[in-house]
Amino acid sequence: MIRLDRALQVWGTARFNDVLKSEIEAIDPGLLPLQQGLTATSYARQKSVSAMVISATEEAAVVHAKVGVFFSGIIAGSCCADDPTPVEDQNEYCVMRFDIDKQSAETSIVVVDQ
């Protein structure tokens, strides 16, 4: 389970967006739903991501953060020796909602429509 403790600690301050961005970029990309966010490629690379906080709101028990996530993907070829498809990273972007529990900082993440 992903926990965004530092972001929760600064919720409601001017530092929230920067801290949240930093924490998201430090998450192992394999723990993010990148594959569900693909639009131009067929396989999400498990490389670093870049985040941009779009908005943040709160309810009684949860902080909801809408975040743009930039990552890379590839178009996987047929794996044949003579396959001419180059395996080059291509830029991808999706919007995710990070729901941070105010008690535990446990965070669920879903890809949302832009």
Protein backbone atom coordinates (compact mmCIF):
# COMPACT_ATOMS: atom_id res chain seq x y z
CA MET A 1 0.00 0.00 0.00
CA ILE A 2 1.25 3.43 -0.91
CA ARG A 3 1.35 5.98 1.90
CA LEU A 4 1.78 9.69 1.22
CA ASP A 5 2.68 10.75 4.76
CA ARG A 6 4.60 13.93 3.96
CA ALA A 7 1.88 15.26 1.65
CA LEU A 8 -0.77 14.62 4.28
CA GLN A 9 1.32 16.43 6.91
CA VAL A 10 1.40 19.61 4.79
CA TRP A 11 -2.20 19.41 3.53
CA GLY A 12 -3.79 22.84 3.61
CA THR A 13 -0.48 24.69 3.27
CA ALA A 14 1.21 26.32 0.30
CA ARG A 15 3.75 23.46 0.28
CA PHE A 16 1.19 20.71 -0.45
CA ASN A 17 1.53 20.65 -4.26
CA ASP A 18 5.34 20.55 -4.18
CA VAL A 19 5.49 17.86 -1.49
CA LEU A 20 2.83 15.74 -3.21
CA LYS A 21 4.66 16.04 -6.55
CA SER A 22 7.92 14.98 -4.90
CA GLU A 23 6.34 12.00 -3.14
CA ILE A 24 4.60 10.78 -6.29
CA GLU A 25 7.80 11.01 -8.32
CA ALA A 26 9.57 8.92 -5.64
CA ILE A 27 7.03 6.06 -5.87
CA ASP A 28 8.21 2.91 -7.62
CA PRO A 29 6.56 3.27 -11.07
CA GLY A 30 5.58 -0.39 -10.90
CA LEU A 31 3.12 0.52 -8.14
CA LEU A 32 1.29 3.09 -10.26
CA PRO A 33 -1.52 2.15 -12.70
CA LEU A 34 0.49 3.34 -15.70
CA GLN A 35 -0.68 0.54 -17.99
CA GLN A 36 -4.30 1.71 -17.58
CA GLY A 37 -3.27 5.23 -18.60
CA LEU A 38 -1.77 4.34 -21.98
CA THR A 39 -3.14 6.16 -25.02
CA ALA A 40 -0.48 5.92 -27.73
CA THR A 41 1.56 2.83 -26.89
CA SER A 42 0.97 -0.73 -25.77
CA TYR A 43 3.30 -1.18 -22.80
CA ALA A 44 4.15 1.22 -19.96
CA ARG A 45 7.85 1.43 -19.17
CA GLN A 46 8.72 1.05 -15.51
CA LYS A 47 10.93 4.13 -15.53
CA SER A 48 10.63 7.32 -13.57
CA VAL A 49 7.51 9.45 -13.79
CA SER A 50 6.93 13.18 -13.60
CA ALA A 51 3.87 14.60 -11.85
CA MET A 52 1.89 17.83 -12.03
CA VAL A 53 -0.77 18.54 -9.41
CA ILE A 54 -3.94 19.74 -11.14
CA SER A 55 -6.23 20.16 -8.15
CA ALA A 56 -6.84 18.97 -4.60
CA THR A 57 -9.99 18.85 -2.49
CA GLU A 58 -10.99 17.22 0.74
CA GLU A 59 -13.86 15.39 2.33
CA ALA A 60 -14.21 14.47 5.98
CA ALA A 61 -11.84 11.52 5.80
CA VAL A 62 -10.01 11.82 2.48
CA VAL A 63 -7.88 14.25 0.50
CA HIS A 64 -8.50 13.88 -3.25
CA ALA A 65 -5.68 15.01 -5.52
CA LYS A 66 -6.04 15.09 -9.29
CA VAL A 67 -2.58 14.71 -10.79
CA GLY A 68 -1.23 14.68 -14.34
CA VAL A 69 1.38 11.94 -14.71
CA PHE A 70 3.97 11.96 -17.48
CA PHE A 71 5.68 8.65 -18.25
CA SER A 72 6.95 6.64 -21.18
CA GLY A 73 5.64 3.66 -23.07
CA ILE A 74 6.64 1.53 -26.00
CA ILE A 75 4.88 -0.17 -28.87
CA ALA A 76 5.85 -3.76 -28.33
CA GLY A 77 6.76 -5.66 -31.50
CA SER A 78 6.25 -9.31 -32.26
CA CYS A 79 9.59 -10.27 -30.69
CA CYS A 80 10.76 -11.79 -33.97
CA ALA A 81 14.39 -11.38 -34.91
CA ASP A 82 13.42 -9.64 -38.14
CA ASP A 83 10.75 -7.37 -36.64
CA PRO A 84 11.42 -3.86 -38.00
CA THR A 85 9.47 -2.13 -35.21
CA PRO A 86 11.90 0.02 -33.23
CA VAL A 87 11.59 -0.21 -29.48
CA GLU A 88 11.83 3.45 -28.54
CA ASP A 89 10.29 5.22 -25.59
CA GLN A 90 7.34 7.42 -26.44
CA ASN A 91 5.86 10.05 -24.17
CA GLU A 92 2.57 9.22 -22.43
CA TYR A 93 0.32 11.26 -20.17
CA CYS A 94 -2.68 10.41 -18.05
CA VAL A 95 -4.61 11.89 -15.15
CA MET A 96 -4.79 10.00 -11.88
CA ARG A 97 -6.74 10.62 -8.71
CA PHE A 98 -4.83 10.02 -5.50
CA ASP A 99 -7.18 9.46 -2.55
CA ILE A 100 -5.21 9.99 0.66
CA ASP A 101 -6.81 8.73 3.89
CA LYS A 102 -6.49 11.49 6.50
CA GLN A 103 -5.94 9.04 9.38
CA SER A 104 -3.41 6.61 7.92
CA ALA A 105 -2.06 8.38 4.79
CA GLU A 106 -2.81 5.17 2.87
CA THR A 107 -3.45 6.14 -0.72
CA SER A 108 -5.49 4.57 -3.46
CA ILE A 109 -4.85 5.56 -7.06
CA VAL A 110 -7.10 5.37 -10.10
CA VAL A 111 -6.77 6.64 -13.66
CA VAL A 112 -9.55 9.13 -14.44
CA ASP A 113 -10.91 10.61 -17.64
CA GLN A 114 -9.35 13.90 -18.53
